[in-house]
Amino acid sequence: MGIKGAALGTLLSALIECAILYLYLKSKRHLLANMPLVLLKQLKISDVLLVTRLSSTAAVNSVVWAAGLFAFHAILGYSDPNLLVALSVLAPVEALAMSLLIGLATAGSVLVGNQVGANQQDRLPATIRQHIIVSVFFGIISAALLMLVEPFVLSLFFHSDLPSAAEQITVGLYDIMAASLIVKSLSMMLIVGVLRAGGDASFCLITDIFAQWVFLLPCAYWLTHVLNFPPVYLFGLVLFEEGIKVLICVWRLNSGRWVKNLAASMN
């Protein structure tokens, strides 16, 4: 079915995921599976508006990031069509490796958000330090494992004994992708697990826009269309982008202005 089959498979997997999640909640007799009407009546318009404002900021952040990623791949693909093949191979591999780091950041956001909501700011430095150490540790482990299984992973996509141009580019970019997980583990924890959990979603949006749309994309366009740099250097820009986000987030973290008790504002 070609590309239509890929789209249909994605849709079916999403429907199955929702069904499994609902059945799990139902088996645990969770409120979300059968929410009583009395709870819905207790919702306040101000609470709904606050949650909508926060969730819309996060949603816009995701859309802006996805659009920037698409533009980055389009710029790289313009320089060499074989680079698009390499990016198509590396994208699912990176997504699989990032799933653990995203889970860690999400878990960290729950703990940080609870402490901020409970006005336990004195416990935040130790909690954040622990989250960062754990996230970077697993980022290093993930990068090492990816490099270890590189021959096996690439063999799933390329079967010819004579390496093609696309395979050669993929091999050159693979290690950069793996190494970027270390920096991404840190930026992911700082943005998702700490700052956004502390109520600073707007700043996270501005940080992503600056790092991606002000730095990454103009640099990629300039290096591609003006200087004709090799793909390895272009893909390496991701490391600088993540590094910029880390520096900005550390500065924001040290300022202390990211802590915003949203639970208090809902009362």
Protein backbone atom coordinates (compact mmCIF):
# COMPACT_ATOMS: atom_id res chain seq x y z
CA MET A 1 0.00 0.00 0.00
CA GLY A 2 3.03 2.26 0.05
CA ILE A 3 2.74 5.55 1.89
CA LYS A 4 -1.01 4.99 2.40
CA GLY A 5 -0.20 1.81 4.29
CA ALA A 6 2.16 3.71 6.57
CA ALA A 7 -0.55 6.30 7.29
CA LEU A 8 -3.17 3.62 7.91
CA GLY A 9 -0.82 1.71 10.20
CA THR A 10 -0.18 4.87 12.22
CA LEU A 11 -3.91 5.50 12.60
CA LEU A 12 -4.65 1.91 13.63
CA SER A 13 -1.84 1.90 16.18
CA ALA A 14 -3.18 5.12 17.74
CA LEU A 15 -6.70 3.64 18.00
CA ILE A 16 -5.37 0.43 19.54
CA GLU A 17 -3.30 2.46 22.00
CA CYS A 18 -6.38 4.41 23.13
CA ALA A 19 -8.40 1.22 23.49
CA ILE A 20 -5.72 -0.49 25.58
CA LEU A 21 -5.36 2.58 27.79
CA TYR A 22 -9.12 2.79 28.37
CA LEU A 23 -9.34 -0.92 29.21
CA TYR A 24 -6.44 -0.54 31.65
CA LEU A 25 -8.13 2.39 33.40
CA LYS A 26 -11.37 0.44 33.46
CA SER A 27 -9.71 -2.59 35.05
CA LYS A 28 -8.21 -0.32 37.75
CA ARG A 29 -11.59 1.39 38.28
CA HIS A 30 -9.95 4.72 37.64
CA LEU A 31 -12.04 7.90 37.72
CA LEU A 32 -11.03 8.76 34.17
CA ALA A 33 -12.70 5.60 32.89
CA ASN A 34 -16.06 6.51 34.43
CA MET A 35 -15.96 10.04 35.80
CA PRO A 36 -18.95 10.81 38.05
CA LEU A 37 -21.08 13.77 37.02
CA VAL A 38 -20.67 15.31 40.45
CA LEU A 39 -16.95 15.82 39.81
CA LEU A 40 -17.58 17.54 36.49
CA LYS A 41 -19.99 19.95 38.18
CA GLN A 42 -17.24 21.05 40.57
CA LEU A 43 -15.04 22.34 37.77
CA LYS A 44 -14.63 26.11 37.66
CA ILE A 45 -14.38 28.18 34.50
CA SER A 46 -11.23 29.82 35.86
CA ASP A 47 -9.63 26.38 36.32
CA VAL A 48 -10.54 25.35 32.78
CA LEU A 49 -9.17 28.59 31.34
CA LEU A 50 -5.90 28.23 33.26
CA VAL A 51 -5.36 24.64 32.14
CA THR A 52 -6.31 25.59 28.57
CA ARG A 53 -3.79 28.44 28.56
CA LEU A 54 -1.00 26.21 29.84
CA SER A 55 -1.82 23.30 27.55
CA SER A 56 -2.15 25.56 24.50
CA THR A 57 1.33 26.96 25.17
CA ALA A 58 2.75 23.44 25.30
CA ALA A 59 0.81 22.52 22.15
CA VAL A 60 2.12 25.54 20.26
CA ASN A 61 5.61 24.63 21.45
CA SER A 62 5.26 21.13 19.97
CA VAL A 63 3.90 22.47 16.67
CA VAL A 64 6.69 25.05 16.35
CA TRP A 65 9.31 22.42 17.15
CA ALA A 66 7.85 19.94 14.64
CA ALA A 67 7.67 22.61 11.94
CA GLY A 68 11.28 23.56 12.61
CA LEU A 69 12.37 19.94 12.40
CA PHE A 70 10.56 19.61 9.06
CA ALA A 71 12.25 22.76 7.77
CA PHE A 72 15.66 21.52 8.95
CA HIS A 73 15.22 18.21 7.12
CA ALA A 74 14.03 20.08 4.02
CA ILE A 75 17.16 22.27 4.06
CA LEU A 76 19.43 19.25 4.49
CA GLY A 77 17.58 17.31 1.79
CA TYR A 78 18.09 20.18 -0.64
CA SER A 79 21.85 19.79 -0.32
CA ASP A 80 21.83 16.06 -1.06
CA PRO A 81 18.82 13.75 -1.72
CA ASN A 82 20.77 10.88 -0.16
CA LEU A 83 20.76 12.84 3.06
CA LEU A 84 16.97 12.50 3.21
CA VAL A 85 17.38 8.73 3.08
CA ALA A 86 19.87 8.91 5.94
CA LEU A 87 17.55 11.09 8.01
CA SER A 88 14.66 8.71 7.36
CA VAL A 89 16.78 5.87 8.73
CA LEU A 90 18.03 7.78 11.76
CA ALA A 91 14.68 9.36 12.76
CA PRO A 92 12.95 6.19 14.07
CA VAL A 93 16.15 4.99 15.73
CA GLU A 94 16.54 8.29 17.56
CA ALA A 95 12.84 8.36 18.48
CA LEU A 96 13.14 4.91 20.04
CA ALA A 97 16.20 5.95 22.04
CA MET A 98 14.57 9.22 23.10
CA SER A 99 11.49 7.47 24.51
CA LEU A 100 13.34 6.58 27.71
CA LEU A 101 14.67 10.13 28.11
CA ILE A 102 11.20 11.58 27.51
CA GLY A 103 9.80 9.22 30.14
CA LEU A 104 12.43 10.35 32.65
CA ALA A 105 11.67 14.01 31.95
CA THR A 106 7.93 13.40 32.32
CA ALA A 107 8.45 11.59 35.62
CA GLY A 108 10.68 14.45 36.77
CA SER A 109 7.98 16.98 35.87
CA VAL A 110 5.51 15.20 38.15
CA LEU A 111 7.88 15.37 41.13
CA VAL A 112 8.96 18.96 40.49
CA GLY A 113 5.37 20.08 39.88
CA ASN A 114 4.22 18.49 43.13
CA GLN A 115 6.92 20.25 45.13
CA VAL A 116 6.22 23.60 43.50
CA GLY A 117 2.48 23.20 44.12
CA ALA A 118 3.12 22.27 47.76
CA ASN A 119 5.38 25.33 48.24
CA GLN A 120 8.36 23.08 49.00
CA GLN A 121 10.86 25.29 47.17
CA ASP A 122 13.59 24.38 49.65
CA ARG A 123 13.56 20.81 48.32
CA LEU A 124 13.74 21.78 44.66
CA PRO A 125 17.56 22.16 44.31
CA ALA A 126 18.24 18.62 45.54
CA THR A 127 15.39 17.18 43.44
CA ILE A 128 16.51 18.97 40.27
CA ARG A 129 20.11 17.92 40.81
CA GLN A 130 19.08 14.28 41.17
CA HIS A 131 16.90 14.47 38.03
CA ILE A 132 19.71 15.98 35.96
CA ILE A 133 22.24 13.37 37.11
CA VAL A 134 19.87 10.49 36.36
CA SER A 135 18.86 11.91 32.97
CA VAL A 136 22.45 12.52 31.83
CA PHE A 137 23.48 9.08 33.09
CA PHE A 138 20.82 7.37 31.00
CA GLY A 139 21.66 9.67 28.09
CA ILE A 140 25.23 8.39 28.19
CA ILE A 141 24.02 4.79 28.48
CA SER A 142 21.63 5.25 25.54
CA ALA A 143 24.37 6.80 23.39
CA ALA A 144 26.78 3.98 24.23
CA LEU A 145 24.18 1.31 23.44
CA LEU A 146 23.32 2.92 20.11
CA MET A 147 26.95 2.97 19.10
CA LEU A 148 27.33 -0.65 20.21
CA VAL A 149 24.43 -1.89 18.07
CA GLU A 150 25.21 0.36 15.10
CA PRO A 151 26.16 -2.49 12.68
CA PHE A 152 22.99 -4.40 13.53
CA VAL A 153 20.71 -1.37 13.23
CA LEU A 154 22.11 -0.29 9.88
CA SER A 155 21.89 -3.86 8.56
CA LEU A 156 18.10 -3.63 8.98
CA PHE A 157 17.96 -0.82 6.42
CA PHE A 158 20.86 -1.53 4.04
CA HIS A 159 21.43 -5.01 2.64
CA SER A 160 23.83 -4.44 -0.26
CA ASP A 161 27.44 -5.59 0.05
CA LEU A 162 28.55 -2.44 -1.78
CA PRO A 163 27.76 0.62 0.41
CA SER A 164 25.63 3.18 -1.37
CA ALA A 165 26.02 6.93 -1.01
CA ALA A 166 23.03 7.04 1.31
CA GLU A 167 24.51 4.31 3.53
CA GLN A 168 27.86 6.11 3.73
CA ILE A 169 26.12 9.32 4.82
CA THR A 170 24.04 7.40 7.37
CA VAL A 171 27.16 5.86 8.89
CA GLY A 172 28.74 9.30 9.13
CA LEU A 173 25.70 10.79 10.87
CA TYR A 174 24.91 7.86 13.16
CA ASP A 175 27.56 8.61 15.78
CA ILE A 176 26.57 12.29 15.86
CA MET A 177 22.96 11.29 16.44
CA ALA A 178 23.99 8.94 19.24
CA ALA A 179 26.23 11.54 20.91
CA SER A 180 23.47 14.15 20.72
CA LEU A 181 21.38 12.04 23.08
CA ILE A 182 23.65 13.09 25.95
CA VAL A 183 22.99 16.78 25.38
CA LYS A 184 19.33 16.17 24.56
CA SER A 185 18.86 14.26 27.82
CA LEU A 186 19.97 17.36 29.70
CA SER A 187 17.90 19.84 27.67
CA MET A 188 14.86 17.56 27.81
CA MET A 189 15.00 17.32 31.60
CA LEU A 190 15.57 21.06 32.03
CA ILE A 191 12.74 22.11 29.68
CA VAL A 192 10.10 19.41 30.22
CA GLY A 193 11.06 18.04 33.61
CA VAL A 194 11.88 21.29 35.42
CA LEU A 195 10.98 24.63 33.84
CA ARG A 196 7.68 23.64 32.25
CA ALA A 197 6.72 21.69 35.37
CA GLY A 198 7.44 24.81 37.42
CA GLY A 199 4.90 26.79 35.39
CA ASP A 200 7.37 28.45 33.00
CA ALA A 201 5.86 27.08 29.78
CA SER A 202 6.03 30.41 27.94
CA PHE A 203 9.77 30.71 28.51
CA CYS A 204 10.27 27.15 27.22
CA LEU A 205 8.41 28.14 24.04
CA ILE A 206 10.62 31.22 23.57
CA THR A 207 13.75 29.14 24.17
CA ASP A 208 12.78 26.57 21.54
CA ILE A 209 11.91 29.29 19.01
CA PHE A 210 15.21 31.07 19.56
CA ALA A 211 17.42 27.96 19.42
CA GLN A 212 15.66 26.44 16.42
CA TRP A 213 14.34 29.30 14.30
CA VAL A 214 16.88 32.00 15.11
CA PHE A 215 20.04 29.86 15.28
CA LEU A 216 19.64 26.37 13.77
CA LEU A 217 17.63 27.01 10.61
CA PRO A 218 19.45 30.20 9.43
CA CYS A 219 22.82 28.53 10.06
CA ALA A 220 21.75 25.39 8.21
CA TYR A 221 20.50 27.45 5.25
CA TRP A 222 23.68 29.52 5.14
CA LEU A 223 26.00 26.51 5.35
CA THR A 224 23.96 24.66 2.71
CA HIS A 225 23.24 27.34 0.11
CA VAL A 226 26.28 29.58 0.54
CA LEU A 227 29.23 27.56 1.83
CA ASN A 228 28.18 24.09 0.58
CA PHE A 229 29.34 22.37 3.76
CA PRO A 230 29.33 18.54 4.00
CA PRO A 231 26.24 16.92 5.59
CA VAL A 232 28.17 15.87 8.70
CA TYR A 233 28.77 19.50 9.64
CA LEU A 234 25.16 20.42 8.96
CA PHE A 235 23.81 17.62 11.13
CA GLY A 236 26.30 18.57 13.83
CA LEU A 237 24.45 21.88 14.22
CA VAL A 238 21.93 19.96 16.33
CA LEU A 239 24.57 19.63 19.05
CA PHE A 240 25.03 23.40 19.11
CA GLU A 241 21.27 23.97 19.14
CA GLU A 242 20.80 21.70 22.15
CA GLY A 243 23.82 23.30 23.84
CA ILE A 244 22.26 26.75 23.45
CA LYS A 245 19.03 25.52 25.02
CA VAL A 246 20.94 24.03 27.94
CA LEU A 247 22.80 27.30 28.60
CA ILE A 248 19.59 29.35 28.44
CA CYS A 249 17.74 26.91 30.72
CA VAL A 250 20.57 26.86 33.27
CA TRP A 251 20.53 30.67 33.35
CA ARG A 252 16.75 30.65 33.86
CA LEU A 253 17.05 27.98 36.52
CA ASN A 254 19.61 29.98 38.50
CA SER A 255 17.47 33.12 38.29
CA GLY A 256 14.70 31.45 40.30
CA ARG A 257 12.03 33.24 38.26
CA TRP A 258 10.74 30.01 36.75
CA VAL A 259 8.94 28.88 39.92
CA LYS A 260 5.24 29.71 39.57
CA ASN A 261 2.77 28.01 41.90
CA LEU A 262 -0.13 27.33 39.56
CA ALA A 263 -2.01 25.41 42.25
CA ALA A 264 -2.18 28.56 44.36
CA SER A 265 -3.53 30.57 41.44
CA MET A 266 -6.34 28.05 40.98
CA ASN A 267 -7.61 28.55 44.54
